[in-house]
C-alpha atoms as a PDB file:
ATOM      1  CA  UNK A   1      -6.756 -11.311   2.923  1.00  0.00           C
ATOM      2  CA  UNK A   2      -7.380  -7.607   3.258  1.00  0.00           C
ATOM      3  CA  UNK A   3      -5.044  -5.459   1.130  1.00  0.00           C
ATOM      4  CA  UNK A   4      -4.729  -1.783   0.269  1.00  0.00           C
ATOM      5  CA  UNK A   5      -4.205  -0.391  -3.224  1.00  0.00           C
ATOM      6  CA  UNK A   6      -1.144   1.665  -2.213  1.00  0.00           C
ATOM      7  CA  UNK A   7       1.807  -0.733  -1.895  1.00  0.00           C
ATOM      8  CA  UNK A   8       3.783  -1.138   1.316  1.00  0.00           C
ATOM      9  CA  UNK A   9       7.384  -0.116   0.789  1.00  0.00           C
ATOM     10  CA  UNK A  10      10.643  -1.000   2.505  1.00  0.00           C
ATOM     11  CA  UNK A  11      12.351   2.356   2.578  1.00  0.00           C
ATOM     12  CA  UNK A  12      15.159   2.191   5.143  1.00  0.00           C
ATOM     13  CA  UNK A  13      17.557  -0.550   6.235  1.00  0.00           C
ATOM     14  CA  UNK A  14      20.003  -0.846   9.132  1.00  0.00           C
ATOM     15  CA  UNK A  15      22.162  -3.798  10.100  1.00  0.00           C
ATOM     16  CA  UNK A  16      24.585  -5.169  12.644  1.00  0.00           C
ATOM     17  CA  UNK A  17      25.942  -8.530  11.486  1.00  0.00           C
ATOM     18  CA  UNK A  18      29.013 -10.681  11.680  1.00  0.00           C
ATOM     19  CA  UNK A  19      30.381  -8.658   8.778  1.00  0.00           C
ATOM     20  CA  UNK A  20      30.389  -5.527  10.940  1.00  0.00           C
ATOM     21  CA  UNK A  21      28.257  -2.548  11.900  1.00  0.00           C
ATOM     22  CA  UNK A  22      26.169  -0.988   9.123  1.00  0.00           C
ATOM     23  CA  UNK A  23      24.295  -2.114   6.032  1.00  0.00           C
ATOM     24  CA  UNK A  24      27.271  -1.283   3.776  1.00  0.00           C
ATOM     25  CA  UNK A  25      29.329  -3.894   5.643  1.00  0.00           C
ATOM     26  CA  UNK A  26      26.482  -6.337   5.065  1.00  0.00           C
ATOM     27  CA  UNK A  27      26.243  -5.531   1.327  1.00  0.00           C
ATOM     28  CA  UNK A  28      30.013  -5.871   0.919  1.00  0.00           C
ATOM     29  CA  UNK A  29      30.017  -9.137   2.825  1.00  0.00           C
ATOM     30  CA  UNK A  30      27.228 -10.624   0.754  1.00  0.00           C
ATOM     31  CA  UNK A  31      28.870  -9.521  -2.482  1.00  0.00           C
ATOM     32  CA  UNK A  32      32.124 -11.157  -1.400  1.00  0.00           C
ATOM     33  CA  UNK A  33      30.445 -14.550  -1.522  1.00  0.00           C
ATOM     34  CA  UNK A  34      32.058 -15.467   1.772  1.00  0.00           C
ATOM     35  CA  UNK A  35      30.289 -16.160   5.085  1.00  0.00           C
ATOM     36  CA  UNK A  36      30.778 -13.837   8.045  1.00  0.00           C
ATOM     37  CA  UNK A  37      31.747 -16.755  10.282  1.00  0.00           C
ATOM     38  CA  UNK A  38      35.245 -17.182  11.670  1.00  0.00           C
ATOM     39  CA  UNK A  39      36.818 -20.076  13.505  1.00  0.00           C
ATOM     40  CA  UNK A  40      36.729 -19.521  17.286  1.00  0.00           C
ATOM     41  CA  UNK A  41      39.240 -21.854  18.975  1.00  0.00           C
ATOM     42  CA  UNK A  42      37.985 -23.701  22.051  1.00  0.00           C
ATOM     43  CA  UNK A  43      34.620 -21.905  21.989  1.00  0.00           C
ATOM     44  CA  UNK A  44      32.255 -24.771  22.866  1.00  0.00           C
ATOM     45  CA  UNK A  45      31.871 -26.025  26.457  1.00  0.00           C
ATOM     46  CA  UNK A  46      33.821 -29.193  25.656  1.00  0.00           C
ATOM     47  CA  UNK A  47      36.715 -27.131  24.300  1.00  0.00           C
ATOM     48  CA  UNK A  48      35.937 -27.783  20.642  1.00  0.00           C
ATOM     49  CA  UNK A  49      36.527 -25.085  18.032  1.00  0.00           C
ATOM     50  CA  UNK A  50      33.486 -23.469  16.388  1.00  0.00           C
ATOM     51  CA  UNK A  51      32.805 -21.643  13.145  1.00  0.00           C
ATOM     52  CA  UNK A  52      30.601 -18.739  14.199  1.00  0.00           C
ATOM     53  CA  UNK A  53      29.561 -15.230  13.073  1.00  0.00           C
ATOM     54  CA  UNK A  54      29.454 -13.529  16.465  1.00  0.00           C
ATOM     55  CA  UNK A  55      28.829  -9.865  17.324  1.00  0.00           C
ATOM     56  CA  UNK A  56      31.808  -9.099  19.534  1.00  0.00           C
ATOM     57  CA  UNK A  57      31.940  -6.414  22.221  1.00  0.00           C
ATOM     58  CA  UNK A  58      34.533  -4.374  20.323  1.00  0.00           C
ATOM     59  CA  UNK A  59      32.129  -4.009  17.374  1.00  0.00           C
ATOM     60  CA  UNK A  60      29.658  -2.022  19.486  1.00  0.00           C
ATOM     61  CA  UNK A  61      29.880   1.252  21.436  1.00  0.00           C
ATOM     62  CA  UNK A  62      30.435   0.804  25.164  1.00  0.00           C
ATOM     63  CA  UNK A  63      27.369   2.616  26.503  1.00  0.00           C
ATOM     64  CA  UNK A  64      26.493   0.314  29.375  1.00  0.00           C
ATOM     65  CA  UNK A  65      23.760  -1.633  27.633  1.00  0.00           C
ATOM     66  CA  UNK A  66      23.918  -5.303  26.674  1.00  0.00           C
ATOM     67  CA  UNK A  67      25.177  -6.462  23.276  1.00  0.00           C
ATOM     68  CA  UNK A  68      21.578  -7.270  22.308  1.00  0.00           C
ATOM     69  CA  UNK A  69      20.179  -3.835  23.201  1.00  0.00           C
ATOM     70  CA  UNK A  70      23.084  -2.016  21.538  1.00  0.00           C
ATOM     71  CA  UNK A  71      22.852  -4.014  18.304  1.00  0.00           C
ATOM     72  CA  UNK A  72      19.088  -3.484  18.130  1.00  0.00           C
ATOM     73  CA  UNK A  73      19.413   0.252  18.750  1.00  0.00           C
ATOM     74  CA  UNK A  74      22.170   0.684  16.158  1.00  0.00           C
ATOM     75  CA  UNK A  75      20.204  -1.203  13.495  1.00  0.00           C
ATOM     76  CA  UNK A  76      17.011   0.793  14.119  1.00  0.00           C
ATOM     77  CA  UNK A  77      18.854   4.134  14.215  1.00  0.00           C
ATOM     78  CA  UNK A  78      20.562   3.395  10.904  1.00  0.00           C
ATOM     79  CA  UNK A  79      17.317   2.233   9.262  1.00  0.00           C
ATOM     80  CA  UNK A  80      15.493   5.397  10.326  1.00  0.00           C
ATOM     81  CA  UNK A  81      18.319   7.659   9.116  1.00  0.00           C
ATOM     82  CA  UNK A  82      18.424   5.775   5.819  1.00  0.00           C
ATOM     83  CA  UNK A  83      14.646   6.129   5.373  1.00  0.00           C
ATOM     84  CA  UNK A  84      14.789   9.843   6.138  1.00  0.00           C
ATOM     85  CA  UNK A  85      17.587  10.285   3.606  1.00  0.00           C
ATOM     86  CA  UNK A  86      15.245   8.703   1.059  1.00  0.00           C
ATOM     87  CA  UNK A  87      12.527  11.248   1.793  1.00  0.00           C
ATOM     88  CA  UNK A  88      10.556   9.485   4.513  1.00  0.00           C
ATOM     89  CA  UNK A  89       9.052  11.441   7.379  1.00  0.00           C
ATOM     90  CA  UNK A  90       7.444   9.550  10.278  1.00  0.00           C
ATOM     91  CA  UNK A  91       3.667   9.582  10.371  1.00  0.00           C
ATOM     92  CA  UNK A  92       1.695  10.227  13.556  1.00  0.00           C
ATOM     93  CA  UNK A  93       1.577   6.558  14.611  1.00  0.00           C
ATOM     94  CA  UNK A  94       4.870   4.686  14.243  1.00  0.00           C
ATOM     95  CA  UNK A  95       4.903   1.113  15.527  1.00  0.00           C
ATOM     96  CA  UNK A  96       7.681  -1.404  16.073  1.00  0.00           C
ATOM     97  CA  UNK A  97       7.835  -5.193  15.918  1.00  0.00           C
ATOM     98  CA  UNK A  98      10.928  -7.223  16.790  1.00  0.00           C
ATOM     99  CA  UNK A  99      11.437 -10.861  15.856  1.00  0.00           C
ATOM    100  CA  UNK A 100      13.630 -12.684  18.358  1.00  0.00           C
ATOM    101  CA  UNK A 101      13.989 -16.349  19.212  1.00  0.00           C
ATOM    102  CA  UNK A 102      15.029 -15.944  22.842  1.00  0.00           C
ATOM    103  CA  UNK A 103      15.450 -12.258  23.661  1.00  0.00           C
ATOM    104  CA  UNK A 104      18.540 -10.984  25.471  1.00  0.00           C
ATOM    105  CA  UNK A 105      20.294 -14.154  26.611  1.00  0.00           C
ATOM    106  CA  UNK A 106      23.356 -12.298  27.912  1.00  0.00           C
ATOM    107  CA  UNK A 107      21.422 -10.514  30.656  1.00  0.00           C
ATOM    108  CA  UNK A 108      19.623 -13.715  31.633  1.00  0.00           C
ATOM    109  CA  UNK A 109      22.932 -15.569  31.712  1.00  0.00           C
ATOM    110  CA  UNK A 110      24.363 -12.870  33.964  1.00  0.00           C
ATOM    111  CA  UNK A 111      21.336 -13.021  36.265  1.00  0.00           C
ATOM    112  CA  UNK A 112      21.574 -16.778  36.727  1.00  0.00           C
ATOM    113  CA  UNK A 113      25.356 -16.791  37.126  1.00  0.00           C
ATOM    114  CA  UNK A 114      25.023 -14.349  40.034  1.00  0.00           C
ATOM    115  CA  UNK A 115      21.868 -15.992  41.403  1.00  0.00           C
ATOM    116  CA  UNK A 116      20.001 -12.715  40.967  1.00  0.00           C
ATOM    117  CA  UNK A 117      22.304 -10.761  43.312  1.00  0.00           C
ATOM    118  CA  UNK A 118      23.470  -7.230  42.583  1.00  0.00           C
ATOM    119  CA  UNK A 119      20.801  -6.305  40.037  1.00  0.00           C
ATOM    120  CA  UNK A 120      18.630  -3.208  40.597  1.00  0.00           C
ATOM    121  CA  UNK A 121      15.130  -2.559  39.229  1.00  0.00           C
ATOM    122  CA  UNK A 122      16.468  -1.088  35.997  1.00  0.00           C
ATOM    123  CA  UNK A 123      18.683  -4.107  35.557  1.00  0.00           C
ATOM    124  CA  UNK A 124      15.743  -6.416  36.123  1.00  0.00           C
ATOM    125  CA  UNK A 125      13.501  -4.864  33.465  1.00  0.00           C
ATOM    126  CA  UNK A 126      16.345  -5.220  30.952  1.00  0.00           C
ATOM    127  CA  UNK A 127      15.491  -8.922  31.079  1.00  0.00           C
ATOM    128  CA  UNK A 128      12.138  -8.237  29.393  1.00  0.00           C
ATOM    129  CA  UNK A 129      12.025  -8.303  25.557  1.00  0.00           C
ATOM    130  CA  UNK A 130       9.839  -5.184  25.568  1.00  0.00           C
ATOM    131  CA  UNK A 131      12.379  -2.964  27.358  1.00  0.00           C
ATOM    132  CA  UNK A 132      14.791  -2.153  24.487  1.00  0.00           C
ATOM    133  CA  UNK A 133      11.775  -1.531  22.253  1.00  0.00           C
ATOM    134  CA  UNK A 134      10.245   0.808  24.830  1.00  0.00           C
ATOM    135  CA  UNK A 135      13.549   2.677  25.075  1.00  0.00           C
ATOM    136  CA  UNK A 136      13.571   3.215  21.307  1.00  0.00           C
ATOM    137  CA  UNK A 137       9.916   4.270  21.232  1.00  0.00           C
ATOM    138  CA  UNK A 138      10.620   6.886  23.894  1.00  0.00           C
ATOM    139  CA  UNK A 139      13.834   8.103  22.244  1.00  0.00           C
ATOM    140  CA  UNK A 140      12.097   8.605  18.884  1.00  0.00           C
ATOM    141  CA  UNK A 141       8.771   9.915  20.258  1.00  0.00           C
ATOM    142  CA  UNK A 142       6.861   7.071  18.585  1.00  0.00           C
ATOM    143  CA  UNK A 143       3.443   6.061  19.883  1.00  0.00           C
ATOM    144  CA  UNK A 144       2.217   3.148  17.790  1.00  0.00           C
ATOM    145  CA  UNK A 145       1.813  -0.555  18.652  1.00  0.00           C
ATOM    146  CA  UNK A 146       4.823  -2.540  19.861  1.00  0.00           C
ATOM    147  CA  UNK A 147       5.251  -6.296  19.750  1.00  0.00           C
ATOM    148  CA  UNK A 148       7.871  -9.037  19.988  1.00  0.00           C
ATOM    149  CA  UNK A 149       7.504 -12.179  17.881  1.00  0.00           C
ATOM    150  CA  UNK A 150       9.163 -15.500  18.651  1.00  0.00           C
ATOM    151  CA  UNK A 151       8.886 -17.927  15.754  1.00  0.00           C
ATOM    152  CA  UNK A 152      12.546 -18.953  15.388  1.00  0.00           C
ATOM    153  CA  UNK A 153      13.443 -19.234  11.678  1.00  0.00           C
ATOM    154  CA  UNK A 154      10.108 -17.785  10.538  1.00  0.00           C
ATOM    155  CA  UNK A 155      10.223 -14.837  12.945  1.00  0.00           C
ATOM    156  CA  UNK A 156      11.406 -12.233  10.438  1.00  0.00           C
ATOM    157  CA  UNK A 157       8.743 -13.147   7.909  1.00  0.00           C
ATOM    158  CA  UNK A 158       6.054 -13.179  10.559  1.00  0.00           C
ATOM    159  CA  UNK A 159       7.185  -9.760  11.781  1.00  0.00           C
ATOM    160  CA  UNK A 160       6.850  -8.340   8.268  1.00  0.00           C
ATOM    161  CA  UNK A 161       3.325  -9.727   7.998  1.00  0.00           C
ATOM    162  CA  UNK A 162       2.466  -8.334  11.452  1.00  0.00           C
ATOM    163  CA  UNK A 163       3.608  -4.905  10.254  1.00  0.00           C
ATOM    164  CA  UNK A 164       1.612  -5.304   7.058  1.00  0.00           C
ATOM    165  CA  UNK A 165      -1.503  -6.088   9.079  1.00  0.00           C
ATOM    166  CA  UNK A 166      -1.044  -2.990  11.250  1.00  0.00           C
ATOM    167  CA  UNK A 167      -0.615  -0.802   8.183  1.00  0.00           C
ATOM    168  CA  UNK A 168      -3.603  -2.333   6.379  1.00  0.00           C
ATOM    169  CA  UNK A 169      -5.883  -2.097   9.417  1.00  0.00           C
ATOM    170  CA  UNK A 170      -4.923   1.476  10.240  1.00  0.00           C
ATOM    171  CA  UNK A 171      -3.225   0.676  13.545  1.00  0.00           C
ATOM    172  CA  UNK A 172      -0.007   2.363  12.370  1.00  0.00           C
ATOM    173  CA  UNK A 173       1.104   4.804   9.700  1.00  0.00           C
ATOM    174  CA  UNK A 174       4.620   3.336   9.640  1.00  0.00           C
ATOM    175  CA  UNK A 175       6.267   0.300  11.220  1.00  0.00           C
ATOM    176  CA  UNK A 176       9.893  -0.372  12.062  1.00  0.00           C
ATOM    177  CA  UNK A 177      10.474  -4.111  11.690  1.00  0.00           C
ATOM    178  CA  UNK A 178      13.517  -5.622  13.384  1.00  0.00           C
ATOM    179  CA  UNK A 179      15.002  -9.083  13.661  1.00  0.00           C
ATOM    180  CA  UNK A 180      17.454  -9.435  16.560  1.00  0.00           C
ATOM    181  CA  UNK A 181      19.182 -12.513  17.908  1.00  0.00           C
ATOM    182  CA  UNK A 182      22.479 -12.512  19.773  1.00  0.00           C
ATOM    183  CA  UNK A 183      22.245 -15.898  21.393  1.00  0.00           C
ATOM    184  CA  UNK A 184      25.483 -17.638  20.461  1.00  0.00           C
ATOM    185  CA  UNK A 185      26.683 -18.372  23.965  1.00  0.00           C
ATOM    186  CA  UNK A 186      28.802 -21.530  24.118  1.00  0.00           C
ATOM    187  CA  UNK A 187      26.025 -23.366  25.951  1.00  0.00           C
ATOM    188  CA  UNK A 188      23.233 -22.448  23.516  1.00  0.00           C
ATOM    189  CA  UNK A 189      25.408 -23.063  20.466  1.00  0.00           C
ATOM    190  CA  UNK A 190      26.263 -26.540  21.768  1.00  0.00           C
ATOM    191  CA  UNK A 191      22.540 -27.308  22.129  1.00  0.00           C
ATOM    192  CA  UNK A 192      21.864 -26.291  18.515  1.00  0.00           C
ATOM    193  CA  UNK A 193      24.687 -28.571  17.398  1.00  0.00           C
ATOM    194  CA  UNK A 194      23.370 -31.447  19.498  1.00  0.00           C
ATOM    195  CA  UNK A 195      19.907 -30.869  18.043  1.00  0.00           C
ATOM    196  CA  UNK A 196      21.400 -31.542  14.627  1.00  0.00           C
ATOM    197  CA  UNK A 197      20.546 -28.246  12.945  1.00  0.00           C
ATOM    198  CA  UNK A 198      23.674 -26.103  13.438  1.00  0.00           C
ATOM    199  CA  UNK A 199      27.069 -27.076  12.046  1.00  0.00           C
ATOM    200  CA  UNK A 200      30.153 -25.518  13.610  1.00  0.00           C
ATOM    201  CA  UNK A 201      33.005 -27.923  12.843  1.00  0.00           C
ATOM    202  CA  UNK A 202      33.503 -26.946   9.173  1.00  0.00           C
ATOM    203  CA  UNK A 203      33.332 -23.823   7.016  1.00  0.00           C
ATOM    204  CA  UNK A 204      29.656 -22.797   6.538  1.00  0.00           C
ATOM    205  CA  UNK A 205      30.045 -22.912   2.747  1.00  0.00           C
ATOM    206  CA  UNK A 206      30.701 -26.636   3.053  1.00  0.00           C
ATOM    207  CA  UNK A 207      28.026 -27.243   5.703  1.00  0.00           C
ATOM    208  CA  UNK A 208      25.070 -25.323   4.287  1.00  0.00           C
ATOM    209  CA  UNK A 209      24.156 -26.386   0.736  1.00  0.00           C
ATOM    210  CA  UNK A 210      20.362 -26.201   0.120  1.00  0.00           C
ATOM    211  CA  UNK A 211      19.124 -28.307  -2.805  1.00  0.00           C
ATOM    212  CA  UNK A 212      22.483 -30.109  -2.938  1.00  0.00           C
ATOM    213  CA  UNK A 213      23.740 -33.420  -1.677  1.00  0.00           C
ATOM    214  CA  UNK A 214      25.885 -33.212   1.424  1.00  0.00           C
ATOM    215  CA  UNK A 215      24.087 -30.334   3.118  1.00  0.00           C
ATOM    216  CA  UNK A 216      24.452 -30.853   6.873  1.00  0.00           C
ATOM    217  CA  UNK A 217      22.651 -27.838   8.359  1.00  0.00           C
ATOM    218  CA  UNK A 218      23.152 -24.119   8.843  1.00  0.00           C
ATOM    219  CA  UNK A 219      26.047 -22.016   9.989  1.00  0.00           C
ATOM    220  CA  UNK A 220      25.426 -20.100  13.206  1.00  0.00           C
ATOM    221  CA  UNK A 221      25.479 -16.335  13.520  1.00  0.00           C
ATOM    222  CA  UNK A 222      24.214 -13.309  15.394  1.00  0.00           C
ATOM    223  CA  UNK A 223      22.796 -10.024  14.186  1.00  0.00           C
ATOM    224  CA  UNK A 224      20.146  -7.335  14.168  1.00  0.00           C
ATOM    225  CA  UNK A 225      18.553  -6.019  10.974  1.00  0.00           C
ATOM    226  CA  UNK A 226      15.904  -3.283  10.850  1.00  0.00           C
ATOM    227  CA  UNK A 227      13.604  -2.076   8.082  1.00  0.00           C
ATOM    228  CA  UNK A 228      11.188   0.852   7.873  1.00  0.00           C
ATOM    229  CA  UNK A 229       7.853  -0.078   6.281  1.00  0.00           C
ATOM    230  CA  UNK A 230       5.596   2.678   5.004  1.00  0.00           C
ATOM    231  CA  UNK A 231       3.306   3.661   2.177  1.00  0.00           C
ATOM    232  CA  UNK A 232       4.971   7.067   1.870  1.00  0.00           C
ATOM    233  CA  UNK A 233       8.323   6.702   0.154  1.00  0.00           C
ATOM    234  CA  UNK A 234       9.645   7.970  -3.153  1.00  0.00           C
ATOM    235  CA  UNK A 235      12.804   5.828  -3.096  1.00  0.00           C
ATOM    236  CA  UNK A 236      12.018   2.401  -1.607  1.00  0.00           C
ATOM    237  CA  UNK A 237      14.315  -0.586  -1.745  1.00  0.00           C
ATOM    238  CA  UNK A 238      11.447  -2.979  -2.377  1.00  0.00           C
ATOM    239  CA  UNK A 239       7.723  -3.541  -1.961  1.00  0.00           C
ATOM    240  CA  UNK A 240       6.029  -6.025   0.344  1.00  0.00           C
ATOM    241  CA  UNK A 241       3.482  -7.601  -1.990  1.00  0.00           C
ATOM    242  CA  UNK A 242       1.978 -10.242   0.265  1.00  0.00           C
ATOM    243  CA  UNK A 243       2.568 -13.406   2.214  1.00  0.00           C
ATOM    244  CA  UNK A 244       1.091 -16.145   4.342  1.00  0.00           C
ATOM    245  CA  UNK A 245       1.761 -18.104   7.526  1.00  0.00           C
ATOM    246  CA  UNK A 246       1.116 -21.669   8.613  1.00  0.00           C
ATOM    247  CA  UNK A 247       2.267 -24.408  10.956  1.00  0.00           C
ATOM    248  CA  UNK A 248       2.619 -28.092  10.183  1.00  0.00           C
ATOM    249  CA  UNK A 249       1.318 -29.211  13.563  1.00  0.00           C
ATOM    250  CA  UNK A 250       3.667 -32.146  13.093  1.00  0.00           C
ATOM    251  CA  UNK A 251       6.889 -31.864  15.112  1.00  0.00           C
ATOM    252  CA  UNK A 252       8.829 -29.317  17.157  1.00  0.00           C
ATOM    253  CA  UNK A 253      11.693 -29.072  14.660  1.00  0.00           C
ATOM    254  CA  UNK A 254      10.901 -31.224  11.595  1.00  0.00           C
ATOM    255  CA  UNK A 255       8.409 -30.517   8.837  1.00  0.00           C
ATOM    256  CA  UNK A 256       5.764 -33.025   7.796  1.00  0.00           C
ATOM    257  CA  UNK A 257       7.425 -35.223   5.125  1.00  0.00           C
ATOM    258  CA  UNK A 258       4.409 -34.719   2.880  1.00  0.00           C
ATOM    259  CA  UNK A 259       5.127 -30.953   2.837  1.00  0.00           C
ATOM    260  CA  UNK A 260       1.373 -30.403   2.435  1.00  0.00           C
ATOM    261  CA  UNK A 261       1.176 -27.366   4.708  1.00  0.00           C
ATOM    262  CA  UNK A 262       4.393 -25.858   3.327  1.00  0.00           C
ATOM    263  CA  UNK A 263       3.005 -26.056  -0.187  1.00  0.00           C
ATOM    264  CA  UNK A 264      -0.343 -24.637   0.906  1.00  0.00           C
ATOM    265  CA  UNK A 265       1.362 -21.721   2.631  1.00  0.00           C
ATOM    266  CA  UNK A 266       3.510 -21.010  -0.431  1.00  0.00           C
ATOM    267  CA  UNK A 267       0.497 -21.098  -2.745  1.00  0.00           C
ATOM    268  CA  UNK A 268      -1.489 -18.775  -0.453  1.00  0.00           C
ATOM    269  CA  UNK A 269       1.420 -16.330  -0.284  1.00  0.00           C
ATOM    270  CA  UNK A 270       1.739 -16.265  -4.062  1.00  0.00           C
ATOM    271  CA  UNK A 271      -1.979 -15.735  -4.544  1.00  0.00           C
ATOM    272  CA  UNK A 272      -1.978 -12.993  -1.921  1.00  0.00           C
ATOM    273  CA  UNK A 273       0.925 -11.223  -3.632  1.00  0.00           C
ATOM    274  CA  UNK A 274      -0.254 -11.813  -7.200  1.00  0.00           C
ATOM    275  CA  UNK A 275       3.125 -13.297  -8.063  1.00  0.00           C
ATOM    276  CA  UNK A 276       4.548 -16.057 -10.176  1.00  0.00           C
ATOM    277  CA  UNK A 277       5.886 -19.101  -8.307  1.00  0.00           C
ATOM    278  CA  UNK A 278       9.525 -18.944  -7.231  1.00  0.00           C
ATOM    279  CA  UNK A 279      11.785 -21.628  -5.839  1.00  0.00           C
ATOM    280  CA  UNK A 280      13.269 -21.300  -2.378  1.00  0.00           C
ATOM    281  CA  UNK A 281      14.753 -23.487   0.312  1.00  0.00           C
ATOM    282  CA  UNK A 282      15.874 -23.288   3.898  1.00  0.00           C
ATOM    283  CA  UNK A 283      19.212 -24.573   5.122  1.00  0.00           C
ATOM    284  CA  UNK A 284      17.902 -26.891   7.840  1.00  0.00           C
ATOM    285  CA  UNK A 285      18.814 -30.467   7.021  1.00  0.00           C
ATOM    286  CA  UNK A 286      15.332 -31.807   7.811  1.00  0.00           C
ATOM    287  CA  UNK A 287      13.596 -28.920   6.056  1.00  0.00           C
ATOM    288  CA  UNK A 288      14.229 -30.042   2.493  1.00  0.00           C
ATOM    289  CA  UNK A 289      11.024 -30.374   0.464  1.00  0.00           C
ATOM    290  CA  UNK A 290      10.565 -33.772  -1.223  1.00  0.00           C
ATOM    291  CA  UNK A 291      10.853 -33.573  -5.039  1.00  0.00           C
ATOM    292  CA  UNK A 292       7.417 -35.185  -5.386  1.00  0.00           C
ATOM    293  CA  UNK A 293       5.745 -32.394  -3.380  1.00  0.00           C
ATOM    294  CA  UNK A 294       4.850 -29.963  -6.159  1.00  0.00           C
ATOM    295  CA  UNK A 295       2.770 -26.923  -5.172  1.00  0.00           C
ATOM    296  CA  UNK A 296      -0.390 -26.119  -7.084  1.00  0.00           C
ATOM    297  CA  UNK A 297       0.265 -23.414  -9.658  1.00  0.00           C
ATOM    298  CA  UNK A 298      -2.082 -20.509  -8.910  1.00  0.00           C
ATOM    299  CA  UNK A 299      -3.341 -17.976 -11.408  1.00  0.00           C
ATOM    300  CA  UNK A 300      -0.604 -15.366 -11.074  1.00  0.00           C
ATOM    301  CA  UNK A 301       0.082 -11.909 -12.289  1.00  0.00           C
ATOM    302  CA  UNK A 302       3.481 -11.413 -13.994  1.00  0.00           C
ATOM    303  CA  UNK A 303       5.505  -9.901 -11.167  1.00  0.00           C
ATOM    304  CA  UNK A 304       9.245 -10.154 -10.584  1.00  0.00           C
ATOM    305  CA  UNK A 305       9.244 -11.172  -6.909  1.00  0.00           C
ATOM    306  CA  UNK A 306       7.140 -13.222  -4.531  1.00  0.00           C
ATOM    307  CA  UNK A 307       6.273 -13.219  -0.857  1.00  0.00           C
ATOM    308  CA  UNK A 308       6.482 -16.532   0.970  1.00  0.00           C
ATOM    309  CA  UNK A 309       6.390 -17.026   4.704  1.00  0.00           C
ATOM    310  CA  UNK A 310       5.894 -20.099   6.825  1.00  0.00           C
ATOM    311  CA  UNK A 311       5.365 -20.239  10.549  1.00  0.00           C
ATOM    312  CA  UNK A 312       7.927 -22.375  12.312  1.00  0.00           C
ATOM    313  CA  UNK A 313       7.992 -23.695  15.868  1.00  0.00           C
END
């Protein structure tokens, strides 16, 4: 893969999560060791209770936009301010890439519930995933490439690698990378439960236990997290060393039991980053790597962190 000698740096972070608005709320929540989910009585369509980390209306300013657009804007605005406080100044070509599984489901839900009536042209274009990104590009006077990525669980990693490609190929001087999903409507949440991947009937700490017996799946939540990627930062949080992407070509939701493509992707990412192998796992019940599937150990440089991405359907 093509790389540049000057490392790509993550220099600004913004977040809207179930813990609250702002990255400090996220840090505090993570340090607490407790999930952001709360029990929502009678939330599912059948009246069942649900453990869920939802972004509620009262967490966001009432400016007329949807929850999705507001959360995305708040996360990006905070990330940019944080980067600027760390000495970053935008280059001439700032791009943006947003990873989202489904886009703004609230506005689509509203459209279908009213059979399309009562929505003007501005309301219609809010349905498009590109609209909130275009609004932010205009507000910040940015003129680089813009893209939305839909790769479900792998979307955030793919978005980072998309930004890396733009920076390496000279398509952008800086890239704001965002991951935004506010899709926990009762109907969609029920489908994830029925699919067998989301667990809402018990505390997430008891449901989600990667590499342990008894893990049932992942807890469900909403959020928007933004990062500013650049080569010009004196005080970065971290460096993006490398990564890789793949697809099993096996099943819509399950990985190939042999884990051949997962291991290949991990090895390629490590080689690309020049890193030592690290161990990681997802929380999806069917996404546990068999103990016999050991990745080849590449010739690695002694680094402290590794990049690993895998494309997911």
